[in-house]
């Protein structure tokens, strides 16, 4: 292989690696974050059945 091809091939592979890390969805990301404040989506509330199941699991762990 010609020596002048290797640097070009390496540069092309590096460029492809950088472009593969780009976001596909294009969703905007927050630039400024407030410390200690969660800015994600809100959790869905638990159903009464889920709350009872969690309470039963924790009660068994206390023994």
N, C-alpha and C. Protein backbone atom coordinates (compact mmCIF):
# COMPACT_ATOMS: atom_id res chain seq x y z
N UNK A 1 0.85 -1.17 0.00
CA UNK A 1 0.00 0.00 0.00
C UNK A 1 0.90 1.24 0.00
N UNK A 2 0.47 2.25 -0.67
CA UNK A 2 1.22 3.50 -0.76
C UNK A 2 1.21 4.21 0.60
N UNK A 3 2.35 4.79 1.00
CA UNK A 3 2.46 5.44 2.32
C UNK A 3 1.55 6.67 2.43
N UNK A 4 1.23 7.34 1.36
CA UNK A 4 0.38 8.52 1.45
C UNK A 4 -1.08 8.16 1.65
N UNK A 5 -1.43 6.90 1.41
CA UNK A 5 -2.81 6.46 1.58
C UNK A 5 -3.11 6.19 3.06
N UNK A 6 -2.14 5.73 3.81
CA UNK A 6 -2.38 5.37 5.21
C UNK A 6 -2.85 6.55 6.07
N UNK A 7 -2.23 7.72 6.00
CA UNK A 7 -2.76 8.84 6.81
C UNK A 7 -4.18 9.24 6.40
N UNK A 8 -4.45 9.19 5.12
CA UNK A 8 -5.80 9.54 4.65
C UNK A 8 -6.82 8.52 5.12
N UNK A 9 -6.43 7.25 5.06
CA UNK A 9 -7.32 6.20 5.52
C UNK A 9 -7.57 6.33 7.02
N UNK A 10 -6.54 6.63 7.79
CA UNK A 10 -6.70 6.83 9.23
C UNK A 10 -7.58 8.02 9.54
N UNK A 11 -7.41 9.11 8.79
CA UNK A 11 -8.24 10.30 9.00
C UNK A 11 -9.70 10.00 8.65
N UNK A 12 -9.93 9.26 7.59
CA UNK A 12 -11.29 8.91 7.19
C UNK A 12 -11.94 8.02 8.24
N UNK A 13 -11.19 7.06 8.79
CA UNK A 13 -11.74 6.19 9.83
C UNK A 13 -12.05 6.98 11.10
N UNK A 14 -11.19 7.94 11.44
CA UNK A 14 -11.46 8.79 12.60
C UNK A 14 -12.70 9.62 12.42
N UNK A 15 -12.87 10.18 11.23
CA UNK A 15 -14.06 10.98 10.93
C UNK A 15 -15.32 10.13 11.02
N UNK A 16 -15.26 8.92 10.50
CA UNK A 16 -16.43 8.04 10.58
C UNK A 16 -16.75 7.68 12.03
N UNK A 17 -15.74 7.49 12.84
CA UNK A 17 -15.98 7.18 14.25
C UNK A 17 -16.64 8.36 14.95
N UNK A 18 -16.19 9.57 14.64
CA UNK A 18 -16.81 10.75 15.26
C UNK A 18 -18.25 10.93 14.81
N UNK A 19 -18.51 10.71 13.53
CA UNK A 19 -19.87 10.89 13.03
C UNK A 19 -20.82 9.81 13.54
N UNK A 20 -20.31 8.64 13.83
CA UNK A 20 -21.18 7.57 14.33
C UNK A 20 -21.66 7.86 15.74
N UNK A 21 -20.99 8.74 16.46
CA UNK A 21 -21.38 9.07 17.82
C UNK A 21 -22.41 10.20 17.87
N UNK A 22 -22.79 10.75 16.75
CA UNK A 22 -23.78 11.84 16.73
C UNK A 22 -25.15 11.30 17.11
N UNK A 23 -25.99 12.19 17.63
CA UNK A 23 -27.33 11.81 18.03
C UNK A 23 -28.18 11.57 16.80
N UNK A 24 -28.92 10.47 16.83
CA UNK A 24 -29.81 10.18 15.70
C UNK A 24 -31.12 10.94 15.82
N UNK A 25 -31.62 11.09 17.05
CA UNK A 25 -32.94 11.71 17.21
C UNK A 25 -32.89 13.23 17.09
N UNK A 26 -31.74 13.82 17.31
CA UNK A 26 -31.61 15.27 17.19
C UNK A 26 -32.29 16.03 18.30
N UNK A 27 -32.64 15.35 19.40
CA UNK A 27 -33.32 16.02 20.50
C UNK A 27 -32.36 16.98 21.19
N UNK A 28 -32.82 18.17 21.52
CA UNK A 28 -31.93 19.12 22.19
C UNK A 28 -31.60 18.66 23.59
N UNK A 29 -30.38 18.83 23.98
CA UNK A 29 -29.92 18.47 25.32
C UNK A 29 -29.71 19.74 26.12
N UNK A 30 -30.01 19.70 27.43
CA UNK A 30 -29.83 20.91 28.23
C UNK A 30 -28.34 21.29 28.31
N UNK A 31 -28.09 22.57 28.15
CA UNK A 31 -26.72 23.06 28.22
C UNK A 31 -26.39 23.48 29.65
N UNK A 32 -27.35 24.05 30.34
CA UNK A 32 -27.14 24.52 31.72
C UNK A 32 -27.94 23.63 32.66
N UNK A 33 -27.26 23.01 33.59
CA UNK A 33 -27.93 22.14 34.55
C UNK A 33 -27.89 22.75 35.94
N UNK A 34 -29.00 22.63 36.66
CA UNK A 34 -29.06 23.09 38.04
C UNK A 34 -28.60 21.96 38.94
N UNK A 35 -27.63 22.23 39.80
CA UNK A 35 -27.12 21.20 40.70
C UNK A 35 -28.21 20.74 41.66
N UNK A 36 -28.31 19.44 41.82
CA UNK A 36 -29.24 18.87 42.77
C UNK A 36 -30.69 18.87 42.33
N UNK A 37 -30.97 19.26 41.10
CA UNK A 37 -32.35 19.31 40.61
C UNK A 37 -32.48 18.33 39.45
N UNK A 38 -33.34 17.31 39.62
CA UNK A 38 -33.58 16.34 38.55
C UNK A 38 -34.47 16.98 37.50
N UNK A 39 -34.02 16.98 36.28
CA UNK A 39 -34.78 17.63 35.21
C UNK A 39 -35.32 16.63 34.20
N UNK A 40 -35.34 15.36 34.57
CA UNK A 40 -35.86 14.33 33.68
C UNK A 40 -37.37 14.25 33.74
N UNK A 41 -37.90 13.27 33.04
CA UNK A 41 -39.34 13.07 33.02
C UNK A 41 -39.82 12.60 34.39
N UNK A 42 -41.02 12.97 34.73
CA UNK A 42 -41.59 12.58 36.03
C UNK A 42 -41.88 11.09 36.04
N UNK A 43 -41.75 10.48 37.22
CA UNK A 43 -42.06 9.06 37.37
C UNK A 43 -43.57 8.86 37.32
N UNK A 44 -43.96 7.68 36.86
CA UNK A 44 -45.38 7.36 36.87
C UNK A 44 -45.74 6.88 38.28
N UNK A 45 -46.90 7.29 38.79
CA UNK A 45 -47.27 6.88 40.16
C UNK A 45 -47.53 5.36 40.22
N UNK A 46 -47.26 4.78 41.39
CA UNK A 46 -47.48 3.35 41.59
C UNK A 46 -48.96 3.09 41.84
N UNK A 47 -49.40 1.93 41.40
CA UNK A 47 -50.78 1.52 41.68
C UNK A 47 -50.84 1.01 43.11
N UNK A 48 -52.03 0.97 43.70
CA UNK A 48 -52.14 0.44 45.06
C UNK A 48 -51.62 -1.00 45.18
N UNK A 49 -51.79 -1.80 44.15
CA UNK A 49 -51.29 -3.18 44.17
C UNK A 49 -49.76 -3.19 44.22
N UNK A 50 -49.13 -2.31 43.47
CA UNK A 50 -47.67 -2.24 43.47
C UNK A 50 -47.14 -1.77 44.83
N UNK A 51 -47.85 -0.84 45.46
CA UNK A 51 -47.44 -0.35 46.78
C UNK A 51 -47.53 -1.47 47.79
N UNK A 52 -48.63 -2.25 47.75
CA UNK A 52 -48.78 -3.38 48.68
C UNK A 52 -47.69 -4.41 48.46
N UNK A 53 -47.38 -4.71 47.20
CA UNK A 53 -46.34 -5.70 46.90
C UNK A 53 -44.98 -5.23 47.44
N UNK A 54 -44.67 -3.95 47.29
CA UNK A 54 -43.41 -3.43 47.83
C UNK A 54 -43.38 -3.48 49.35
N UNK A 55 -44.51 -3.16 49.97
CA UNK A 55 -44.57 -3.22 51.44
C UNK A 55 -44.38 -4.65 51.94
N UNK A 56 -44.94 -5.62 51.24
CA UNK A 56 -44.77 -7.01 51.64
C UNK A 56 -43.31 -7.44 51.48
N UNK A 57 -42.67 -7.02 50.41
CA UNK A 57 -41.26 -7.38 50.19
C UNK A 57 -40.37 -6.79 51.27
N UNK A 58 -40.61 -5.53 51.63
CA UNK A 58 -39.77 -4.92 52.66
C UNK A 58 -40.02 -5.52 54.03
N UNK A 59 -41.27 -5.94 54.29
CA UNK A 59 -41.59 -6.57 55.57
C UNK A 59 -40.84 -7.88 55.71
N UNK A 60 -40.70 -8.65 54.62
CA UNK A 60 -39.97 -9.91 54.66
C UNK A 60 -38.48 -9.69 54.86
N UNK A 61 -37.96 -8.55 54.43
CA UNK A 61 -36.53 -8.30 54.55
C UNK A 61 -36.14 -7.88 55.97
N UNK A 62 -37.10 -7.42 56.77
CA UNK A 62 -36.81 -6.97 58.13
C UNK A 62 -36.55 -8.14 59.07
N UNK A 63 -37.06 -9.29 58.74
CA UNK A 63 -36.95 -10.46 59.62
C UNK A 63 -35.56 -11.01 59.66
